[in-house]
Protein backbone atom coordinates (compact mmCIF):
# COMPACT_ATOMS: atom_id res chain seq x y z
CA MET A 1 -30.87 -103.87 7.04
CA THR A 2 -31.03 -103.49 10.78
CA PHE A 3 -33.93 -101.94 12.63
CA HIS A 4 -34.62 -101.66 16.35
CA VAL A 5 -38.06 -102.74 17.55
CA GLU A 6 -38.86 -102.72 21.23
CA ILE A 7 -41.84 -104.80 22.35
CA GLN A 8 -43.27 -103.77 25.73
CA ASN A 9 -45.68 -106.36 27.13
CA GLU A 10 -45.82 -105.51 30.81
CA ARG A 11 -49.10 -107.36 31.32
CA GLU A 12 -47.48 -110.49 29.89
CA TYR A 13 -50.17 -111.21 27.32
CA SER A 14 -49.63 -114.30 25.21
CA ILE A 15 -47.91 -112.92 22.13
CA ASP A 16 -45.27 -114.01 19.64
CA ALA A 17 -42.95 -111.02 20.07
CA SER A 18 -40.50 -112.23 17.42
CA ARG A 19 -43.30 -112.38 14.84
CA LEU A 20 -44.32 -108.82 15.67
CA VAL A 21 -40.72 -107.67 15.26
CA THR A 22 -40.59 -109.49 11.91
CA ALA A 23 -43.82 -107.77 10.82
CA VAL A 24 -42.31 -104.35 11.59
CA GLU A 25 -39.04 -105.23 9.87
CA ILE A 26 -40.87 -106.36 6.73
CA VAL A 27 -42.73 -103.05 6.49
CA LEU A 28 -39.62 -100.97 7.16
CA THR A 29 -37.59 -102.94 4.62
CA GLN A 30 -40.30 -102.81 1.95
CA GLN A 31 -40.70 -99.06 2.51
CA SER A 32 -36.93 -98.41 2.43
CA ALA A 33 -36.91 -96.92 5.92
CA GLN A 34 -33.65 -95.47 7.10
CA PRO A 35 -31.32 -98.14 8.50
CA GLU A 36 -31.28 -98.33 12.29
CA SER A 37 -34.80 -96.83 12.50
CA THR A 38 -36.40 -97.51 15.86
CA LEU A 39 -39.96 -97.88 17.12
CA THR A 40 -41.77 -99.22 20.14
CA VAL A 41 -44.78 -101.56 20.23
CA VAL A 42 -46.70 -101.48 23.51
CA ILE A 43 -49.16 -104.29 24.21
CA THR A 44 -51.54 -103.14 26.92
CA ASP A 45 -55.14 -103.28 28.13
CA ASN A 46 -58.32 -101.63 26.87
CA ASP A 47 -58.39 -99.01 29.63
CA ALA A 48 -54.91 -97.69 28.79
CA VAL A 49 -55.78 -97.45 25.09
CA ALA A 50 -59.16 -95.84 25.85
CA ASP A 51 -57.38 -93.21 27.98
CA LEU A 52 -54.96 -92.42 25.13
CA ASN A 53 -57.77 -92.41 22.57
CA ARG A 54 -59.75 -89.96 24.72
CA GLN A 55 -56.74 -87.76 25.42
CA TYR A 56 -55.33 -87.55 21.88
CA ARG A 57 -58.30 -88.17 19.61
CA GLY A 58 -61.34 -87.15 21.65
CA VAL A 59 -62.81 -90.66 21.30
CA ASP A 60 -64.05 -92.09 24.58
CA ALA A 61 -63.52 -95.77 23.78
CA PRO A 62 -60.78 -98.32 23.30
CA THR A 63 -59.63 -99.31 19.83
CA ASP A 64 -57.31 -101.98 18.49
CA VAL A 65 -54.21 -99.92 17.66
CA LEU A 66 -53.07 -96.33 18.04
CA SER A 67 -50.07 -94.91 16.21
CA PHE A 68 -48.05 -92.05 17.63
CA PRO A 69 -45.51 -90.89 15.04
CA ALA A 70 -42.36 -89.16 16.24
CA ASP A 71 -41.71 -85.59 15.26
CA GLU A 72 -41.72 -84.89 11.53
CA PRO A 73 -39.13 -85.42 10.29
CA PRO A 74 -37.80 -87.88 12.86
CA VAL A 75 -35.56 -86.13 15.34
CA GLU A 76 -31.93 -86.62 14.42
CA ILE A 77 -29.77 -87.04 17.51
CA PRO A 78 -26.08 -87.69 16.91
CA ASP A 79 -25.18 -91.35 17.50
CA GLU A 80 -28.86 -92.24 17.94
CA PRO A 81 -30.99 -94.02 15.31
CA PRO A 82 -34.07 -92.22 13.93
CA TYR A 83 -37.08 -92.82 16.18
CA LEU A 84 -40.27 -93.43 14.17
CA GLY A 85 -42.75 -93.50 17.06
CA ASP A 86 -44.94 -95.77 19.16
CA LEU A 87 -47.68 -98.28 18.45
CA ILE A 88 -50.12 -98.98 21.27
CA ILE A 89 -52.22 -102.14 20.95
CA ALA A 90 -55.16 -103.04 23.20
CA TYR A 91 -54.68 -106.79 23.55
CA PRO A 92 -58.18 -107.60 24.93
CA TYR A 93 -59.82 -105.53 22.17
CA ALA A 94 -57.67 -107.22 19.51
CA ALA A 95 -58.34 -110.66 21.02
CA SER A 96 -62.09 -110.04 20.92
CA GLN A 97 -61.85 -108.98 17.26
CA ALA A 98 -59.79 -112.04 16.36
CA GLU A 99 -62.25 -114.37 18.11
CA ARG A 100 -65.28 -112.69 16.53
CA GLU A 101 -63.75 -112.84 13.05
CA LYS A 102 -62.28 -116.33 13.60
CA HIS A 103 -58.74 -115.24 12.73
CA PRO A 104 -55.60 -116.48 14.49
CA MET A 105 -54.58 -114.02 17.19
CA ASN A 106 -50.97 -113.84 16.00
CA ASP A 107 -52.16 -112.94 12.49
CA SER A 108 -54.45 -110.25 13.89
CA LEU A 109 -51.65 -108.76 16.00
CA SER A 110 -49.31 -108.85 12.99
CA LEU A 111 -51.88 -106.98 10.91
CA LEU A 112 -52.23 -104.33 13.62
CA VAL A 113 -48.45 -103.91 13.80
CA ILE A 114 -48.17 -103.67 10.01
CA HIS A 115 -51.05 -101.19 9.86
CA GLY A 116 -49.69 -99.09 12.69
CA THR A 117 -46.15 -99.07 11.29
CA LEU A 118 -47.49 -97.77 7.98
CA HIS A 119 -49.18 -94.94 9.89
CA LEU A 120 -45.82 -94.14 11.52
CA LEU A 121 -44.34 -93.92 8.02
CA GLY A 122 -46.99 -91.41 6.95
CA TYR A 123 -49.63 -93.62 5.33
CA ASP A 124 -53.27 -92.95 6.07
CA HIS A 125 -56.71 -94.11 4.94
CA ASP A 126 -58.55 -90.80 5.19
CA THR A 127 -59.43 -90.67 1.46
CA PRO A 128 -60.17 -93.42 -1.07
CA GLU A 129 -56.84 -92.71 -2.81
CA HIS A 130 -54.84 -92.82 0.42
CA ARG A 131 -56.66 -95.97 1.51
CA ALA A 132 -55.90 -97.72 -1.80
CA ALA A 133 -52.21 -96.84 -1.51
CA MET A 134 -52.01 -97.93 2.13
CA TRP A 135 -53.89 -101.20 1.53
CA LYS A 136 -51.57 -102.04 -1.38
CA VAL A 137 -48.41 -101.84 0.74
CA GLN A 138 -50.18 -103.43 3.69
CA GLU A 139 -51.13 -106.41 1.52
CA SER A 140 -47.53 -106.75 0.38
CA ALA A 141 -46.36 -107.02 4.01
CA LEU A 142 -49.15 -109.48 4.88
CA ARG A 143 -48.17 -111.68 1.93
CA ALA A 144 -44.53 -111.61 3.05
CA LEU A 145 -45.67 -112.93 6.44
CA GLY A 146 -47.91 -115.57 4.86
CA ILE A 147 -51.10 -114.04 6.26
CA LEU A 148 -54.26 -114.50 4.21
CA LEU A 149 -55.57 -111.20 2.87
CA ASP A 150 -59.14 -111.94 3.94
CA ILE A 151 -58.11 -110.79 7.42
CA VAL A 152 -58.00 -107.16 6.23
CA PRO A 153 -61.63 -106.36 5.42
CA ALA A 154 -62.85 -108.25 8.46
CA LEU A 155 -60.80 -106.22 10.90
CA GLU A 156 -60.43 -102.89 9.17
CA SER A 157 -63.75 -102.19 7.53
CA LYS A 158 -65.45 -102.08 10.92
CA THR A 159 -63.29 -99.25 12.24
CA ASP A 160 -61.27 -96.48 10.76
CA ASP A 161 -60.33 -94.94 14.08
CA HIS A 162 -56.60 -95.53 14.25
């Protein structure tokens, strides 16, 4: 199945873009997303994410990842693939988390992309039931990437703000 993932890294942070694309593709494949689905991953700084967090969520602080789903259902434009939405990752925030938790940065970024993509697909962790369902499919994607599952509680139990 073919998906379209655009990685925007205008600040040229040290990332493995192909691994992030693979992380998205694993989630979309496992969740039977419509072929040709498209999304954008933006890697940016803490200030840009804090501005978005303040503007859209009323939270005056940066966070690791924000998910902005496209219209529900995804807008169908003839000859255009369905657009799922945007993921915005604060690289410095994520790097600080990875260092604090002693996890490889590429694994941490992959987790954030997996987590954010699941939000774009409608998953949430606002109730214990929703959280259990989301964590189950998230773990499946992490396993497919060969990422140890101990990364999840370390990064996600500290914040539920994305």
